[in-house]
Amino acid sequence: MMGPAHSVSGAAAWLAVGAVAAGLNHPMPWPTLVVGALICAGAALAPDLDHKAATISRAFGPISRWLCEVIDKLSFAAYRKTRKPGDPIRQGGHRTLTHTWLWAVMMGAAASGLAWVGGRWAVVFILFVHAVLAVEGLLWRQARMSSDILVWLLGATSAWVLADTLDSTQSGKGWLLTEPSQQYLWIGIPIVLGSIVHCLGDALTVSGCPVLWPIPIGRRRWYPLGTPKPMRFRAGSKVEIKVLTPIFFVIGGVGAVGALVFGA
C-alpha cells in the first residue's frame, strides 16, 4: 500500500486497541490514546525505510536518505544469508527484513528501552520522529506543498506539547505498567503495531509480504504471505483508495468512540 493508507490504518489500529483496552478494564487516558495513534500512524510508514522512493526515505532529508541506503543493504544481506532454495534471487532489500514480525518487535523493544533509559527527553525524540512521519502520511498533500523545515517544526512542536501532556501518571505515561520504573515502557507497543499493520497491508497487494520470516514455509524462508492472488491489488489502486482507506477511517472513528466512552 501507499503511505497515506498505511498511516491511516496505523492510527485506526491503535484507536481500536484503545477500545479493546477499555473493554478489558485497562482504559487509556486520552493523552495515551492520542500519542499512541500518532506514533502508530508514523510507525506504519517505517518498514519502507528499505526503499529510496518511499515517504520515510525523504522525510528527514539527507539523514533518512542515507539511512535508507544502509537499511536496504542490511536487508539485502540478511536475505542473501538466510534464503532457502525456493526463495528467488533478488537485487535489493525492499520488502524483506523490515517487513517482518521480528523487525517490528525489535523496533518496539528498542523504543521502549530508549524511553526507559532516557525518560521524557527520549519520549520527545520518539514523538518527534513519528509525528513527522504521521504528518507526511496523513497530511501528505499539505506536506508535499510545504518545506521540510515547516514539517519538522510542526513535528517538534507536537512532540513537545504531547510529551508535556503525557508526563504524569494520571495523564498517561504510566498506562498499563504503573510502577515508576516502568512508565513509558508501553510506548513500544504502537511501534510494533504500526509495523505489523504495514506488513499486513502489504500482504494484500500483488507482491505479498514475508511477515513470518525467519520461520520457513516449505522451500522458502521469505515466503510472501498474502490473500489469494485473485483478491490482491496493486499499491495505490482504486481498491486501496476508494475501499480500504474509508474502512480504516470508520474503524478508527468507532475505536475512538469506544475508547473514550467505555474508558470514561
C-alpha atoms as a PDB file:
ATOM      1  CA  MET A   1       0.000   0.000   0.000  1.00  0.00           C
ATOM      2  CA  MET A   2       0.983   3.651  -0.294  1.00  0.00           C
ATOM      3  CA  GLY A   3       1.977   5.937   2.565  1.00  0.00           C
ATOM      4  CA  PRO A   4      -1.390   7.606   3.292  1.00  0.00           C
ATOM      5  CA  ALA A   5      -3.252   4.287   3.555  1.00  0.00           C
ATOM      6  CA  HIS A   6      -0.504   2.866   5.765  1.00  0.00           C
ATOM      7  CA  SER A   7      -0.706   5.830   8.156  1.00  0.00           C
ATOM      8  CA  VAL A   8      -4.498   5.814   8.345  1.00  0.00           C
ATOM      9  CA  SER A   9      -4.511   2.071   9.023  1.00  0.00           C
ATOM     10  CA  GLY A  10      -1.904   2.516  11.762  1.00  0.00           C
ATOM     11  CA  ALA A  11      -3.885   5.227  13.554  1.00  0.00           C
ATOM     12  CA  ALA A  12      -7.089   3.199  13.182  1.00  0.00           C
ATOM     13  CA  ALA A  13      -5.403   0.119  14.643  1.00  0.00           C
ATOM     14  CA  TRP A  14      -4.307   1.968  17.791  1.00  0.00           C
ATOM     15  CA  LEU A  15      -7.730   3.536  18.293  1.00  0.00           C
ATOM     16  CA  ALA A  16      -9.252   0.065  18.003  1.00  0.00           C
ATOM     17  CA  VAL A  17      -6.765  -1.168  20.611  1.00  0.00           C
ATOM     18  CA  GLY A  18      -7.908   1.683  22.838  1.00  0.00           C
ATOM     19  CA  ALA A  19     -11.493   0.454  22.620  1.00  0.00           C
ATOM     20  CA  VAL A  20     -10.431  -3.119  23.377  1.00  0.00           C
ATOM     21  CA  ALA A  21      -8.289  -1.963  26.307  1.00  0.00           C
ATOM     22  CA  ALA A  22     -11.235  -0.046  27.752  1.00  0.00           C
ATOM     23  CA  GLY A  23     -13.404  -3.141  27.433  1.00  0.00           C
ATOM     24  CA  LEU A  24     -10.753  -5.154  29.299  1.00  0.00           C
ATOM     25  CA  ASN A  25     -10.722  -2.625  32.158  1.00  0.00           C
ATOM     26  CA  HIS A  26      -7.405  -1.049  31.138  1.00  0.00           C
ATOM     27  CA  PRO A  27      -8.726   2.210  29.668  1.00  0.00           C
ATOM     28  CA  MET A  28      -6.262   4.611  28.098  1.00  0.00           C
ATOM     29  CA  PRO A  29      -6.181   8.196  29.325  1.00  0.00           C
ATOM     30  CA  TRP A  30      -6.886  10.419  26.342  1.00  0.00           C
ATOM     31  CA  PRO A  31      -3.223  11.540  26.007  1.00  0.00           C
ATOM     32  CA  THR A  32      -2.188   7.889  25.684  1.00  0.00           C
ATOM     33  CA  LEU A  33      -4.850   7.360  23.034  1.00  0.00           C
ATOM     34  CA  VAL A  34      -3.734  10.419  21.049  1.00  0.00           C
ATOM     35  CA  VAL A  35       0.002   9.834  21.429  1.00  0.00           C
ATOM     36  CA  GLY A  36      -0.347   6.129  20.597  1.00  0.00           C
ATOM     37  CA  ALA A  37      -2.396   6.880  17.472  1.00  0.00           C
ATOM     38  CA  LEU A  38       0.187   9.427  16.335  1.00  0.00           C
ATOM     39  CA  ILE A  39       3.098   7.045  16.929  1.00  0.00           C
ATOM     40  CA  CYS A  40       1.280   4.151  15.285  1.00  0.00           C
ATOM     41  CA  ALA A  41       0.437   6.274  12.234  1.00  0.00           C
ATOM     42  CA  GLY A  42       4.115   7.182  11.895  1.00  0.00           C
ATOM     43  CA  ALA A  43       5.397   3.681  12.630  1.00  0.00           C
ATOM     44  CA  ALA A  44       3.145   2.332   9.881  1.00  0.00           C
ATOM     45  CA  LEU A  45       5.457   4.067   7.385  1.00  0.00           C
ATOM     46  CA  ALA A  46       8.717   2.911   8.968  1.00  0.00           C
ATOM     47  CA  PRO A  47       9.139  -0.516   7.277  1.00  0.00           C
ATOM     48  CA  ASP A  48       9.537   1.226   3.914  1.00  0.00           C
ATOM     49  CA  LEU A  49      12.864   2.667   5.052  1.00  0.00           C
ATOM     50  CA  ASP A  50      14.338  -0.002   2.775  1.00  0.00           C
ATOM     51  CA  HIS A  51      13.024   1.818  -0.333  1.00  0.00           C
ATOM     52  CA  LYS A  52      14.615   5.027  -1.597  1.00  0.00           C
ATOM     53  CA  ALA A  53      11.364   6.270  -3.164  1.00  0.00           C
ATOM     54  CA  ALA A  54       9.244   5.783  -0.036  1.00  0.00           C
ATOM     55  CA  THR A  55       7.807   8.647   2.018  1.00  0.00           C
ATOM     56  CA  ILE A  56      10.025   7.898   5.009  1.00  0.00           C
ATOM     57  CA  SER A  57      13.219   7.970   2.935  1.00  0.00           C
ATOM     58  CA  ARG A  58      12.749  11.676   2.224  1.00  0.00           C
ATOM     59  CA  ALA A  59      11.047  12.688   5.481  1.00  0.00           C
ATOM     60  CA  PHE A  60      14.278  13.769   7.197  1.00  0.00           C
ATOM     61  CA  GLY A  61      16.319  14.932   4.234  1.00  0.00           C
ATOM     62  CA  PRO A  62      19.842  13.544   3.771  1.00  0.00           C
ATOM     63  CA  ILE A  63      19.711  11.694   7.097  1.00  0.00           C
ATOM     64  CA  SER A  64      16.778   9.479   6.106  1.00  0.00           C
ATOM     65  CA  ARG A  65      18.121   9.038   2.565  1.00  0.00           C
ATOM     66  CA  TRP A  66      21.443   7.805   3.957  1.00  0.00           C
ATOM     67  CA  LEU A  67      19.663   5.573   6.464  1.00  0.00           C
ATOM     68  CA  CYS A  68      17.542   4.183   3.638  1.00  0.00           C
ATOM     69  CA  GLU A  69      20.680   3.087   1.783  1.00  0.00           C
ATOM     70  CA  VAL A  70      22.077   1.458   4.920  1.00  0.00           C
ATOM     71  CA  ILE A  71      18.843  -0.405   5.719  1.00  0.00           C
ATOM     72  CA  ASP A  72      18.465  -1.527   2.107  1.00  0.00           C
ATOM     73  CA  LYS A  73      21.968  -3.032   2.131  1.00  0.00           C
ATOM     74  CA  LEU A  74      21.407  -4.624   5.554  1.00  0.00           C
ATOM     75  CA  SER A  75      18.096  -6.109   4.407  1.00  0.00           C
ATOM     76  CA  PHE A  76      19.608  -7.418   1.189  1.00  0.00           C
ATOM     77  CA  ALA A  77      22.478  -9.006   3.111  1.00  0.00           C
ATOM     78  CA  ALA A  78      20.026 -10.677   5.507  1.00  0.00           C
ATOM     79  CA  TYR A  79      18.052 -12.002   2.539  1.00  0.00           C
ATOM     80  CA  ARG A  80      21.104 -13.459   0.828  1.00  0.00           C
ATOM     81  CA  LYS A  81      22.407 -15.081   4.002  1.00  0.00           C
ATOM     82  CA  THR A  82      19.124 -16.702   5.033  1.00  0.00           C
ATOM     83  CA  ARG A  83      17.326 -17.505   1.764  1.00  0.00           C
ATOM     84  CA  LYS A  84      16.359 -21.095   1.017  1.00  0.00           C
ATOM     85  CA  PRO A  85      16.376 -22.790  -2.406  1.00  0.00           C
ATOM     86  CA  GLY A  86      12.786 -21.788  -3.072  1.00  0.00           C
ATOM     87  CA  ASP A  87      13.395 -18.080  -2.485  1.00  0.00           C
ATOM     88  CA  PRO A  88      14.048 -16.151  -5.724  1.00  0.00           C
ATOM     89  CA  ILE A  89      17.256 -14.253  -6.443  1.00  0.00           C
ATOM     90  CA  ARG A  90      16.813 -10.563  -5.669  1.00  0.00           C
ATOM     91  CA  GLN A  91      18.717  -7.377  -6.479  1.00  0.00           C
ATOM     92  CA  GLY A  92      17.630  -5.290  -3.487  1.00  0.00           C
ATOM     93  CA  GLY A  93      16.330  -5.421   0.068  1.00  0.00           C
ATOM     94  CA  HIS A  94      12.858  -3.905  -0.287  1.00  0.00           C
ATOM     95  CA  ARG A  95      10.107  -5.886   1.457  1.00  0.00           C
ATOM     96  CA  THR A  96      12.497  -8.186   3.232  1.00  0.00           C
ATOM     97  CA  LEU A  97      13.978  -7.638   6.705  1.00  0.00           C
ATOM     98  CA  THR A  98      11.989  -4.545   7.697  1.00  0.00           C
ATOM     99  CA  HIS A  99       8.752  -6.218   6.636  1.00  0.00           C
ATOM    100  CA  THR A 100       8.855  -8.974   9.256  1.00  0.00           C
ATOM    101  CA  TRP A 101       7.371  -9.512  12.709  1.00  0.00           C
ATOM    102  CA  LEU A 102      10.876  -9.855  14.147  1.00  0.00           C
ATOM    103  CA  TRP A 103      11.922  -6.403  12.935  1.00  0.00           C
ATOM    104  CA  ALA A 104       8.691  -4.928  14.331  1.00  0.00           C
ATOM    105  CA  VAL A 105       9.332  -6.430  17.767  1.00  0.00           C
ATOM    106  CA  MET A 106      12.965  -5.273  17.728  1.00  0.00           C
ATOM    107  CA  MET A 107      11.988  -1.694  16.887  1.00  0.00           C
ATOM    108  CA  GLY A 108       9.310  -1.633  19.578  1.00  0.00           C
ATOM    109  CA  ALA A 109      11.698  -3.051  22.170  1.00  0.00           C
ATOM    110  CA  ALA A 110      14.364  -0.515  21.192  1.00  0.00           C
ATOM    111  CA  ALA A 111      11.892   2.367  21.590  1.00  0.00           C
ATOM    112  CA  SER A 112      10.694   1.106  24.983  1.00  0.00           C
ATOM    113  CA  GLY A 113      14.281   0.684  26.126  1.00  0.00           C
ATOM    114  CA  LEU A 114      15.184   4.174  24.945  1.00  0.00           C
ATOM    115  CA  ALA A 115      12.184   5.658  26.768  1.00  0.00           C
ATOM    116  CA  TRP A 116      13.036   3.701  29.912  1.00  0.00           C
ATOM    117  CA  VAL A 117      16.640   4.909  29.929  1.00  0.00           C
ATOM    118  CA  GLY A 118      16.129   8.433  28.596  1.00  0.00           C
ATOM    119  CA  GLY A 119      12.802   9.339  30.194  1.00  0.00           C
ATOM    120  CA  ARG A 120      10.958  12.379  28.943  1.00  0.00           C
ATOM    121  CA  TRP A 121      13.681  13.562  26.546  1.00  0.00           C
ATOM    122  CA  ALA A 122      13.736  10.185  24.826  1.00  0.00           C
ATOM    123  CA  VAL A 123       9.943  10.316  24.570  1.00  0.00           C
ATOM    124  CA  VAL A 124      10.181  13.763  22.945  1.00  0.00           C
ATOM    125  CA  PHE A 125      12.604  12.355  20.369  1.00  0.00           C
ATOM    126  CA  ILE A 126      10.414   9.309  19.648  1.00  0.00           C
ATOM    127  CA  LEU A 127       7.370  11.542  19.329  1.00  0.00           C
ATOM    128  CA  PHE A 128       9.181  13.969  17.032  1.00  0.00           C
ATOM    129  CA  VAL A 129      10.242  11.230  14.609  1.00  0.00           C
ATOM    130  CA  HIS A 130       6.797   9.661  14.475  1.00  0.00           C
ATOM    131  CA  ALA A 131       4.942  12.980  14.389  1.00  0.00           C
ATOM    132  CA  VAL A 132       6.904  13.983  11.275  1.00  0.00           C
ATOM    133  CA  LEU A 133       6.127  10.624   9.682  1.00  0.00           C
ATOM    134  CA  ALA A 134       2.451  10.912  10.645  1.00  0.00           C
ATOM    135  CA  VAL A 135       2.240  14.356   9.034  1.00  0.00           C
ATOM    136  CA  GLU A 136       3.941  13.020   5.896  1.00  0.00           C
ATOM    137  CA  GLY A 137       1.454  10.156   5.772  1.00  0.00           C
ATOM    138  CA  LEU A 138      -1.848  11.611   6.963  1.00  0.00           C
ATOM    139  CA  LEU A 139      -1.378  15.119   5.544  1.00  0.00           C
ATOM    140  CA  TRP A 140       0.719  14.158   2.556  1.00  0.00           C
ATOM    141  CA  ARG A 141      -0.716  16.757   0.172  1.00  0.00           C
ATOM    142  CA  GLN A 142      -0.027  19.608   2.602  1.00  0.00           C
ATOM    143  CA  ALA A 143       3.391  18.169   3.443  1.00  0.00           C
ATOM    144  CA  ARG A 144       4.352  17.994  -0.233  1.00  0.00           C
ATOM    145  CA  MET A 145       3.379  21.645  -0.715  1.00  0.00           C
ATOM    146  CA  SER A 146       5.323  22.753   2.388  1.00  0.00           C
ATOM    147  CA  SER A 147       9.033  22.869   3.069  1.00  0.00           C
ATOM    148  CA  ASP A 148      10.659  20.134   5.108  1.00  0.00           C
ATOM    149  CA  ILE A 149      11.549  22.657   7.791  1.00  0.00           C
ATOM    150  CA  LEU A 150       7.891  23.541   8.367  1.00  0.00           C
ATOM    151  CA  VAL A 151       7.000  19.849   8.713  1.00  0.00           C
ATOM    152  CA  TRP A 152       9.879  19.359  11.164  1.00  0.00           C
ATOM    153  CA  LEU A 153       8.779  22.389  13.197  1.00  0.00           C
ATOM    154  CA  LEU A 154       5.241  21.041  13.359  1.00  0.00           C
ATOM    155  CA  GLY A 155       6.594  17.667  14.447  1.00  0.00           C
ATOM    156  CA  ALA A 156       8.829  19.213  17.100  1.00  0.00           C
ATOM    157  CA  THR A 157       6.029  21.404  18.487  1.00  0.00           C
ATOM    158  CA  SER A 158       3.594  18.490  18.588  1.00  0.00           C
ATOM    159  CA  ALA A 159       6.191  16.270  20.271  1.00  0.00           C
ATOM    160  CA  TRP A 160       6.936  18.841  22.962  1.00  0.00           C
ATOM    161  CA  VAL A 161       3.284  19.587  23.746  1.00  0.00           C
ATOM    162  CA  LEU A 162       2.211  15.936  23.779  1.00  0.00           C
ATOM    163  CA  ALA A 163       5.188  14.837  25.877  1.00  0.00           C
ATOM    164  CA  ASP A 164       4.354  17.555  28.387  1.00  0.00           C
ATOM    165  CA  THR A 165       0.719  16.402  28.490  1.00  0.00           C
ATOM    166  CA  LEU A 166       1.752  12.773  28.821  1.00  0.00           C
ATOM    167  CA  ASP A 167       4.279  13.423  31.584  1.00  0.00           C
ATOM    168  CA  SER A 168       2.234  12.313  34.567  1.00  0.00           C
ATOM    169  CA  THR A 169       0.813   9.009  35.713  1.00  0.00           C
ATOM    170  CA  GLN A 170      -2.751  10.371  35.592  1.00  0.00           C
ATOM    171  CA  SER A 171      -2.276  11.694  32.055  1.00  0.00           C
ATOM    172  CA  GLY A 172      -0.960   8.511  30.574  1.00  0.00           C
ATOM    173  CA  LYS A 173       2.754   7.859  30.914  1.00  0.00           C
ATOM    174  CA  GLY A 174       2.023   5.048  33.361  1.00  0.00           C
ATOM    175  CA  TRP A 175      -0.748   3.375  31.344  1.00  0.00           C
ATOM    176  CA  LEU A 176      -0.716  -0.430  31.572  1.00  0.00           C
ATOM    177  CA  LEU A 177       2.556  -0.525  33.561  1.00  0.00           C
ATOM    178  CA  THR A 178       2.142   1.643  36.632  1.00  0.00           C
ATOM    179  CA  GLU A 179       5.420   1.314  38.544  1.00  0.00           C
ATOM    180  CA  PRO A 180       7.649   4.433  38.279  1.00  0.00           C
ATOM    181  CA  SER A 181      10.455   2.392  36.723  1.00  0.00           C
ATOM    182  CA  GLN A 182       8.038   1.022  34.097  1.00  0.00           C
ATOM    183  CA  GLN A 183       6.461   4.270  32.946  1.00  0.00           C
ATOM    184  CA  TYR A 184       6.708   4.941  29.223  1.00  0.00           C
ATOM    185  CA  LEU A 185       7.508   1.265  28.505  1.00  0.00           C
ATOM    186  CA  TRP A 186       4.180   0.941  26.671  1.00  0.00           C
ATOM    187  CA  ILE A 187       5.456   3.361  24.029  1.00  0.00           C
ATOM    188  CA  GLY A 188       6.959   0.477  22.061  1.00  0.00           C
ATOM    189  CA  ILE A 189       3.554  -1.168  21.596  1.00  0.00           C
ATOM    190  CA  PRO A 190       2.206   1.275  18.964  1.00  0.00           C
ATOM    191  CA  ILE A 191       5.527   0.991  17.131  1.00  0.00           C
ATOM    192  CA  VAL A 192       5.202  -2.799  16.933  1.00  0.00           C
ATOM    193  CA  LEU A 193       1.540  -2.485  15.967  1.00  0.00           C
ATOM    194  CA  GLY A 194       2.222   0.107  13.278  1.00  0.00           C
ATOM    195  CA  SER A 195       4.928  -2.043  11.704  1.00  0.00           C
ATOM    196  CA  ILE A 196       2.741  -5.168  11.768  1.00  0.00           C
ATOM    197  CA  VAL A 197      -0.215  -3.286  10.276  1.00  0.00           C
ATOM    198  CA  HIS A 198       2.095  -2.065   7.498  1.00  0.00           C
ATOM    199  CA  CYS A 199       3.123  -5.661   6.754  1.00  0.00           C
ATOM    200  CA  LEU A 200      -0.475  -6.873   6.744  1.00  0.00           C
ATOM    201  CA  GLY A 201      -1.412  -4.053   4.392  1.00  0.00           C
ATOM    202  CA  ASP A 202       1.373  -5.018   2.007  1.00  0.00           C
ATOM    203  CA  ALA A 203       0.236  -8.630   2.234  1.00  0.00           C
ATOM    204  CA  LEU A 204      -2.971  -7.534   0.494  1.00  0.00           C
ATOM    205  CA  THR A 205      -1.042  -6.299  -2.528  1.00  0.00           C
ATOM    206  CA  VAL A 206       0.261  -8.232  -5.541  1.00  0.00           C
ATOM    207  CA  SER A 207       3.731  -8.964  -4.121  1.00  0.00           C
ATOM    208  CA  GLY A 208       2.641 -10.143  -0.683  1.00  0.00           C
ATOM    209  CA  CYS A 209       4.863  -9.697   2.384  1.00  0.00           C
ATOM    210  CA  PRO A 210       7.352 -12.031   4.159  1.00  0.00           C
ATOM    211  CA  VAL A 211       5.995 -11.092   7.578  1.00  0.00           C
ATOM    212  CA  LEU A 212       6.662 -14.545   9.104  1.00  0.00           C
ATOM    213  CA  TRP A 213      10.452 -14.538   8.497  1.00  0.00           C
ATOM    214  CA  PRO A 214      12.594 -16.259   9.736  1.00  0.00           C
ATOM    215  CA  ILE A 215      10.028 -19.053  10.078  1.00  0.00           C
ATOM    216  CA  PRO A 216      10.465 -21.326   6.995  1.00  0.00           C
ATOM    217  CA  ILE A 217       7.474 -22.364   4.911  1.00  0.00           C
ATOM    218  CA  GLY A 218       8.224 -25.257   2.594  1.00  0.00           C
ATOM    219  CA  ARG A 219      11.282 -24.472   0.481  1.00  0.00           C
ATOM    220  CA  ARG A 220      11.126 -20.770   1.306  1.00  0.00           C
ATOM    221  CA  ARG A 221      12.172 -18.711   4.306  1.00  0.00           C
ATOM    222  CA  TRP A 222      10.975 -15.404   2.795  1.00  0.00           C
ATOM    223  CA  TYR A 223       7.509 -16.660   1.933  1.00  0.00           C
ATOM    224  CA  PRO A 224       5.344 -13.750   0.645  1.00  0.00           C
ATOM    225  CA  LEU A 225       2.294 -14.101   2.871  1.00  0.00           C
ATOM    226  CA  GLY A 226      -0.894 -12.744   1.377  1.00  0.00           C
ATOM    227  CA  THR A 227      -4.506 -13.202   0.439  1.00  0.00           C
ATOM    228  CA  PRO A 228      -5.464 -15.471  -2.504  1.00  0.00           C
ATOM    229  CA  LYS A 229      -3.893 -13.931  -5.619  1.00  0.00           C
ATOM    230  CA  PRO A 230      -7.218 -13.046  -7.314  1.00  0.00           C
ATOM    231  CA  MET A 231      -8.045 -10.866  -4.297  1.00  0.00           C
ATOM    232  CA  ARG A 232      -4.801  -8.890  -4.347  1.00  0.00           C
ATOM    233  CA  PHE A 233      -4.392  -5.397  -5.786  1.00  0.00           C
ATOM    234  CA  ARG A 234      -1.636  -3.039  -6.799  1.00  0.00           C
ATOM    235  CA  ALA A 235      -0.412  -0.370  -4.383  1.00  0.00           C
ATOM    236  CA  GLY A 236      -2.213   2.921  -4.987  1.00  0.00           C
ATOM    237  CA  SER A 237      -5.096   1.276  -6.842  1.00  0.00           C
ATOM    238  CA  LYS A 238      -8.751   2.258  -6.545  1.00  0.00           C
ATOM    239  CA  VAL A 239      -9.360  -0.619  -4.124  1.00  0.00           C
ATOM    240  CA  GLU A 240      -6.867   0.906  -1.712  1.00  0.00           C
ATOM    241  CA  ILE A 241      -8.069   4.490  -2.105  1.00  0.00           C
ATOM    242  CA  LYS A 242     -11.825   4.039  -2.555  1.00  0.00           C
ATOM    243  CA  VAL A 243     -12.494   0.963  -0.420  1.00  0.00           C
ATOM    244  CA  LEU A 244      -9.833   0.243   2.181  1.00  0.00           C
ATOM    245  CA  THR A 245      -8.982   3.800   3.250  1.00  0.00           C
ATOM    246  CA  PRO A 246     -12.639   4.685   4.062  1.00  0.00           C
ATOM    247  CA  ILE A 247     -12.895   1.406   6.008  1.00  0.00           C
ATOM    248  CA  PHE A 248      -9.825   2.397   8.029  1.00  0.00           C
ATOM    249  CA  PHE A 249     -11.434   5.761   8.830  1.00  0.00           C
ATOM    250  CA  VAL A 250     -14.596   4.028  10.049  1.00  0.00           C
ATOM    251  CA  ILE A 251     -12.606   1.598  12.203  1.00  0.00           C
ATOM    252  CA  GLY A 252     -10.650   4.488  13.681  1.00  0.00           C
ATOM    253  CA  GLY A 253     -13.777   6.503  14.434  1.00  0.00           C
ATOM    254  CA  VAL A 254     -15.571   3.591  16.065  1.00  0.00           C
ATOM    255  CA  GLY A 255     -12.435   2.733  18.033  1.00  0.00           C
ATOM    256  CA  ALA A 256     -12.018   6.290  19.294  1.00  0.00           C
ATOM    257  CA  VAL A 257     -15.633   6.484  20.415  1.00  0.00           C
ATOM    258  CA  GLY A 258     -15.362   3.106  22.125  1.00  0.00           C
ATOM    259  CA  ALA A 259     -12.108   4.016  23.866  1.00  0.00           C
ATOM    260  CA  LEU A 260     -13.433   7.328  25.173  1.00  0.00           C
ATOM    261  CA  VAL A 261     -16.954   6.168  26.082  1.00  0.00           C
ATOM    262  CA  PHE A 262     -16.088   2.854  27.729  1.00  0.00           C
ATOM    263  CA  GLY A 263     -12.968   4.328  29.291  1.00  0.00           C
ATOM    264  CA  ALA A 264     -14.808   7.236  30.884  1.00  0.00           C
END
